[in-house]
Protein backbone atom coordinates (compact mmCIF):
# COMPACT_ATOMS: atom_id res chain seq x y z
CA MET A 1 106.37 11.73 34.30
CA ASN A 2 105.15 11.34 30.52
CA ALA A 3 103.17 14.57 29.56
CA LYS A 4 102.29 12.72 26.25
CA LYS A 5 100.36 9.90 28.11
CA LEU A 6 98.98 12.89 30.72
CA ILE A 7 97.52 14.73 27.48
CA SER A 8 95.85 11.41 26.42
CA ALA A 9 94.09 11.32 29.86
CA ILE A 10 93.20 14.87 29.73
CA LEU A 11 91.79 14.63 26.26
CA LEU A 12 89.53 11.86 28.03
CA ALA A 13 88.65 13.90 30.65
CA VAL A 14 87.54 16.91 28.12
CA GLY A 15 86.09 14.15 25.20
CA SER A 16 88.15 16.60 22.91
CA ALA A 17 90.14 13.49 20.70
CA GLY A 18 92.56 15.70 18.24
CA PHE A 19 91.79 19.21 19.55
CA ILE A 20 94.95 19.77 21.61
CA GLY A 21 97.04 18.29 18.65
CA THR A 22 96.94 21.76 16.80
CA ALA A 23 98.44 24.78 18.21
CA PHE A 24 96.19 27.15 20.27
CA ALA A 25 96.47 30.89 19.16
CA ALA A 26 95.03 33.46 20.90
CA THR A 27 91.36 33.42 19.22
CA THR A 28 88.42 35.33 20.50
CA ALA A 29 85.26 34.99 19.32
CA GLY A 30 83.27 36.40 16.53
CA SER A 31 79.63 35.72 16.13
CA LEU A 32 78.79 32.77 18.04
CA PHE A 33 75.54 30.63 18.21
CA LEU A 34 73.52 28.64 20.09
CA TYR A 35 72.36 25.11 18.30
CA SER A 36 69.87 22.50 19.10
CA PHE A 37 69.93 18.80 18.22
CA GLU A 38 67.27 17.55 16.14
CA PRO A 39 65.04 15.00 17.80
CA THR A 40 66.57 11.29 17.71
CA PRO A 41 63.35 9.06 16.82
CA VAL A 42 63.33 6.02 19.81
CA LEU A 43 64.20 2.86 17.69
CA ASN A 44 63.15 -0.89 18.41
CA VAL A 45 65.57 -3.78 18.41
CA ASP A 46 64.47 -4.53 14.95
CA VAL A 47 66.94 -1.86 13.33
CA SER A 48 69.58 -2.80 15.70
CA LYS A 49 69.20 -6.79 14.10
CA THR A 50 68.93 -5.06 10.47
CA LEU A 51 72.17 -3.25 11.49
CA MET A 52 74.24 -5.82 13.01
CA GLN A 53 73.23 -7.99 10.37
CA GLN A 54 74.68 -5.15 7.83
CA PHE A 55 78.00 -4.78 10.08
CA LEU A 56 78.53 -8.40 11.34
CA GLY A 57 77.33 -10.74 8.64
CA GLY A 58 76.99 -14.64 10.20
CA GLU A 59 76.60 -13.30 13.63
CA PRO A 60 73.28 -14.60 15.34
CA VAL A 61 70.52 -11.97 16.17
CA ASP A 62 67.87 -14.12 17.85
CA ARG A 63 69.26 -13.04 21.29
CA LEU A 64 69.40 -9.40 20.78
CA ASN A 65 67.92 -7.48 23.92
CA PRO A 66 68.01 -3.73 24.97
CA SER A 67 69.14 -3.42 28.67
CA PRO A 68 67.67 -0.84 31.02
CA ASP A 69 69.30 1.86 29.53
CA LYS A 70 68.20 0.94 25.95
CA THR A 71 71.13 -0.02 24.81
CA VAL A 72 71.39 -3.23 22.60
CA ARG A 73 74.70 -5.23 23.26
CA TYR A 74 76.23 -8.34 21.79
CA VAL A 75 79.21 -10.46 22.15
CA SER A 76 80.09 -12.91 20.06
CA PRO A 77 80.21 -16.23 21.38
CA LYS A 78 82.89 -17.30 19.04
CA ASP A 79 84.91 -14.29 19.36
CA VAL A 80 84.99 -11.79 22.23
CA ASN A 81 86.86 -9.00 20.04
CA THR A 82 83.65 -9.38 17.65
CA THR A 83 80.85 -6.87 19.59
CA PHE A 84 78.05 -4.61 18.71
CA GLU A 85 76.22 -1.96 20.39
CA HIS A 86 73.32 0.44 19.44
CA ASN A 87 71.70 2.78 21.51
CA LEU A 88 67.95 3.23 20.47
CA VAL A 89 67.61 6.27 22.15
CA THR A 90 70.66 8.20 20.82
CA GLY A 91 71.57 6.15 17.64
CA ASP A 92 75.03 5.82 18.58
CA ILE A 93 76.47 2.54 17.03
CA SER A 94 79.97 0.77 17.75
CA PHE A 95 81.16 -2.16 16.13
CA HIS A 96 84.17 -4.25 15.67
CA ARG A 97 84.71 -7.22 13.60
CA ASN A 98 87.04 -10.13 14.56
CA PHE A 99 90.70 -9.23 14.11
CA ALA A 100 92.02 -12.48 15.24
CA ARG A 101 93.95 -12.82 11.89
CA TYR A 102 95.83 -9.61 12.71
CA MET A 103 97.28 -10.96 15.63
CA GLY A 104 100.91 -12.56 15.75
CA ASP A 105 103.33 -11.96 12.95
CA PHE A 106 100.78 -11.40 10.52
CA ALA A 107 101.65 -8.25 8.52
CA PRO A 108 98.52 -6.49 6.85
CA VAL A 109 98.90 -4.59 3.42
CA LEU A 110 97.84 -1.65 4.76
CA PRO A 111 96.35 1.62 2.41
CA SER A 112 97.73 4.94 2.29
CA THR A 113 96.33 7.35 4.64
CA GLU A 114 94.65 9.25 1.58
CA GLU A 115 93.16 5.50 0.70
CA ALA A 116 92.31 4.95 4.00
CA ILE A 117 90.37 8.29 4.28
CA ASN A 118 88.75 7.67 0.65
CA ALA A 119 87.34 4.12 2.11
CA VAL A 120 86.08 5.72 5.28
CA ASN A 121 84.01 7.92 3.11
CA VAL A 122 82.72 5.39 0.47
CA PHE A 123 81.49 3.07 3.82
CA LEU A 124 79.89 5.56 5.78
CA GLN A 125 77.79 6.90 2.33
CA GLU A 126 76.80 3.24 1.23
CA ASN A 127 75.77 2.76 5.16
CA LYS A 128 74.06 6.02 5.24
CA LEU A 129 75.93 6.71 8.49
CA SER A 130 77.60 9.86 6.28
CA PRO A 131 76.28 13.42 8.23
CA ALA A 132 73.43 15.39 6.62
CA ASN A 133 76.23 18.04 6.17
CA PRO A 134 79.53 16.33 5.15
CA ALA A 135 81.39 19.71 5.26
CA GLU A 136 80.92 19.16 9.38
CA LEU A 137 83.02 16.16 9.34
CA LYS A 138 86.44 16.51 9.88
CA ILE A 139 89.93 14.48 10.48
CA ALA A 140 90.97 15.48 14.42
CA HIS A 141 93.83 12.42 14.33
CA VAL A 142 95.54 9.58 12.36
CA GLY A 143 96.84 6.97 14.00
CA GLY A 144 97.29 3.52 14.10
CA LEU A 145 97.96 0.46 15.88
CA ARG A 146 101.45 -1.31 16.21
CA ALA A 147 102.55 -4.38 17.39
CA THR A 148 106.23 -5.80 18.26
CA THR A 149 106.87 -9.49 17.28
CA MET A 150 109.12 -12.21 19.40
CA ILE A 151 111.58 -14.19 17.56
CA ASN A 152 111.76 -17.72 19.49
CA GLU A 153 109.74 -16.14 22.19
CA LYS A 154 112.64 -14.27 23.46
CA GLU A 155 114.10 -11.66 21.28
CA SER A 156 111.81 -8.50 20.06
CA GLY A 157 111.41 -9.31 16.26
CA PRO A 158 110.18 -6.56 13.75
CA VAL A 159 107.55 -4.11 14.32
CA ILE A 160 104.60 -4.32 12.62
CA ASP A 161 101.54 -1.69 11.69
CA LYS A 162 98.47 -3.75 12.15
CA LEU A 163 96.10 -1.09 11.32
CA ILE A 164 94.93 2.41 10.65
CA THR A 165 92.73 4.27 13.03
CA LEU A 166 91.00 7.67 11.66
CA THR A 167 89.46 10.00 14.07
CA TYR A 168 86.54 12.31 13.10
CA SER A 169 85.35 15.56 15.00
CA ARG A 170 82.85 18.23 14.20
CA GLU A 171 83.29 21.85 12.83
CA VAL A 172 80.45 24.46 12.96
CA ASN A 173 80.62 27.76 11.57
CA GLY A 174 84.42 27.46 11.22
CA LEU A 175 84.45 26.67 15.11
CA PRO A 176 85.78 22.92 16.35
CA VAL A 177 83.19 21.00 18.06
CA ILE A 178 84.63 19.21 21.48
CA GLY A 179 83.38 17.30 24.18
CA PRO A 180 81.83 13.46 24.15
CA GLY A 181 79.54 13.65 20.75
CA SER A 182 80.01 15.06 17.57
CA LYS A 183 82.78 12.03 16.60
CA MET A 184 83.45 9.15 14.77
CA ILE A 185 86.29 6.46 14.97
CA LEU A 186 87.32 3.80 12.36
CA ASP A 187 89.82 0.92 12.16
CA VAL A 188 90.90 0.51 8.83
CA GLY A 189 92.84 -3.19 8.35
CA GLU A 190 94.55 -4.79 5.06
CA LYS A 191 93.30 -3.25 1.52
CA ALA A 192 91.10 -0.81 3.79
CA GLU A 193 89.14 -3.58 5.61
CA ILE A 194 86.97 -1.51 7.58
CA LEU A 195 87.14 -3.36 11.13
CA SER A 196 85.89 -1.07 12.99
CA LEU A 197 83.35 1.95 14.48
CA THR A 198 82.18 4.39 16.88
CA ARG A 199 80.09 6.72 15.87
CA HIS A 200 78.31 9.43 18.23
CA TRP A 201 76.64 11.69 15.92
CA ARG A 202 73.32 13.86 15.76
CA GLU A 203 71.75 16.26 13.38
CA LEU A 204 71.73 20.31 13.97
CA SER A 205 68.33 21.80 13.50
CA PRO A 206 69.12 24.10 10.81
CA LYS A 207 67.79 27.26 13.39
CA ALA A 208 70.38 28.75 15.10
CA ARG A 209 69.92 31.75 17.49
CA GLU A 210 72.83 34.19 17.51
CA LEU A 211 74.19 35.45 20.55
CA SER A 212 74.33 39.03 21.97
CA GLN A 213 77.45 40.31 23.51
CA ARG A 214 75.75 40.88 26.51
CA GLU A 215 75.01 37.31 26.57
CA ILE A 216 78.87 36.04 26.52
CA TYR A 217 82.08 36.36 28.13
CA SER A 218 84.60 37.91 27.33
CA LEU A 219 88.28 36.44 26.55
CA ASP A 220 89.44 38.49 29.81
CA GLN A 221 86.57 36.98 31.73
CA ALA A 222 86.75 33.95 30.84
CA GLN A 223 90.56 33.49 31.27
CA GLN A 224 89.74 34.49 35.28
CA LEU A 225 87.31 31.77 35.16
CA ALA A 226 89.81 29.07 33.64
CA LYS A 227 92.50 30.57 36.56
CA LEU A 228 89.67 29.43 39.16
CA GLN A 229 89.09 26.13 37.66
CA ILE A 230 92.49 25.17 37.37
CA SER A 231 93.00 26.35 41.02
CA LYS A 232 90.20 24.17 42.22
CA GLU A 233 91.12 21.20 39.97
CA PHE A 234 95.00 20.73 41.36
CA GLY A 235 95.06 22.86 44.42
CA GLU A 236 96.29 26.51 45.54
CA MET A 237 99.67 25.35 45.67
CA ALA A 238 99.60 24.24 42.13
CA THR A 239 100.98 27.15 39.70
CA PHE A 240 100.28 27.05 35.73
CA GLU A 241 100.92 29.18 32.59
CA LEU A 242 98.52 29.84 30.14
CA LEU A 243 99.57 29.04 26.76
CA GLY A 244 96.56 30.00 24.61
CA SER A 245 92.78 29.87 23.78
CA GLN A 246 90.40 28.97 21.58
CA THR A 247 86.68 29.19 21.19
CA ALA A 248 84.61 25.95 20.32
CA TYR A 249 81.38 24.68 20.29
CA PHE A 250 80.35 22.02 23.48
CA ASP A 251 78.64 18.86 22.64
CA ASN A 252 77.65 17.51 25.69
CA ASN A 253 75.43 14.98 25.04
CA GLY A 254 72.51 17.20 25.51
CA ARG A 255 69.79 19.09 23.76
CA LEU A 256 72.09 22.07 22.80
CA LEU A 257 75.51 22.53 21.23
CA GLN A 258 76.81 26.06 23.30
CA PRO A 259 79.86 28.09 22.55
CA VAL A 260 83.25 27.23 24.99
CA TYR A 261 86.48 29.18 25.39
CA ALA A 262 89.30 25.80 25.58
CA PHE A 263 92.40 27.27 27.57
CA GLN A 264 95.57 25.21 27.33
CA ALA A 265 97.77 25.65 30.27
CA LYS A 266 100.63 24.08 31.80
CA ILE A 267 100.36 22.99 35.62
CA PHE A 268 103.47 23.16 37.93
CA LEU A 269 102.09 20.82 40.53
CA PRO A 270 104.22 21.38 44.25
CA ASP A 271 105.74 17.89 44.27
CA GLN A 272 108.67 18.37 42.92
CA GLN A 273 109.08 14.56 41.28
CA THR A 274 106.33 15.44 38.85
CA GLN A 275 107.23 17.05 35.55
CA ALA A 276 104.79 20.16 34.35
CA PHE A 277 101.87 18.74 32.00
CA GLU A 278 99.70 20.14 29.69
CA TYR A 279 96.06 20.57 30.25
CA VAL A 280 92.92 22.00 28.73
CA SER A 281 90.70 23.91 30.87
CA VAL A 282 87.09 24.52 29.05
CA ILE A 283 84.63 27.41 30.30
CA PRO A 284 81.30 28.33 28.97
CA ALA A 285 80.83 31.28 26.77
CA MET A 286 77.63 31.88 28.04
CA ARG A 287 77.22 33.58 31.16
CA ARG A 288 74.02 32.05 31.68
CA PRO A 289 74.67 28.49 29.91
CA PRO A 290 71.53 26.45 29.38
CA GLU A 291 72.62 23.79 30.25
CA GLN A 292 75.88 22.67 32.31
CA LEU A 293 78.94 21.23 30.96
CA ASN A 294 79.65 18.62 33.67
CA LEU A 295 82.77 18.46 32.61
CA THR A 296 84.56 16.87 35.97
CA LYS A 297 81.51 14.22 35.34
CA LEU A 298 82.77 13.01 32.38
CA ASP A 299 85.71 10.64 33.15
CA THR A 300 86.57 10.69 36.71
CA LYS A 301 89.32 8.29 36.27
CA ALA A 302 90.94 10.57 34.00
CA LEU A 303 91.00 13.15 36.52
CA ARG A 304 92.17 10.95 38.86
CA VAL A 305 95.11 10.04 36.60
CA ILE A 306 96.15 13.42 35.83
CA LYS A 307 96.13 14.74 39.87
CA ASN A 308 98.02 11.49 40.65
CA GLY A 309 100.63 11.99 38.31
CA ASP A 310 100.10 8.59 36.93
CA THR A 311 102.21 7.62 34.28
CA THR A 312 99.79 4.65 32.82
CA PRO A 313 97.15 5.85 30.42
CA PRO A 314 93.62 4.55 31.02
CA VAL A 315 92.46 1.62 29.29
CA GLY A 316 91.69 2.02 25.38
CA ILE A 317 94.50 4.37 24.72
CA THR A 318 97.45 2.52 22.54
CA GLY A 319 98.50 3.08 19.12
CA LYS A 320 101.05 4.12 17.16
CA PRO A 321 103.59 7.04 18.28
CA ASP A 322 102.84 10.06 16.40
């Protein structure tokens, strides 16, 4: 089994892009807080039209209409790779510009990682997409897209780096934020051209409540809960080794940002054909969490991949090897 691909599936399930990429340390919580998100004003389709013209100039906006879930979606009739999406309730934005010229043997002149980061910073600032507190935005992963060319449609040709992908996460009070929210992903192409953006970001209220020790599980108590969770996910016959822990905050796209313990474990399934793989167990730090994390509901396909030992990563996991 390819453990790296399984880790990608796990990250989808937990929603923690880049979080598992750094070594876990056996950390315990200092002062922990319960944060609330600022209310997001409900927008109208005119805002979507303005944003689409801003990011996809030249595409018609007359056909934009919100769906029942209050999301405006657009696919260019000229190019299915040119897309736009805007959630009128949460403010989430996603767009992909025409990628056609990057196909085939085209070898773009890509910027360095530092140049790509600088270009993203300028893009976010100019388009008023930067967080209110820029210090919260942290680079979680630097990747990209690599393609293999063909010679005479028979032999493999040179490998070409097509773009750089920068994944950003959030850091609050010195701790990482994991979960489906609080992230930005941008693709950077030739000469630092911004090809795509996915932005899930809401501002936090400056008022936060410090939690008392009576409200929080100890690290040992959370570890016992992690063991129960792992047994429930993979069955009583599965064995595991806990490798480390990390205190973090969890953004579940709800009203609150709450603290959690994340445990890295190595799972050994009874099936001898399946190699051991790594898994992240996330446990609420609060004894009575005000909102449920709903971890297993985030990506049922990803969890099914993990349980079945499927080495094929879910759709959307591609890119340059680390």
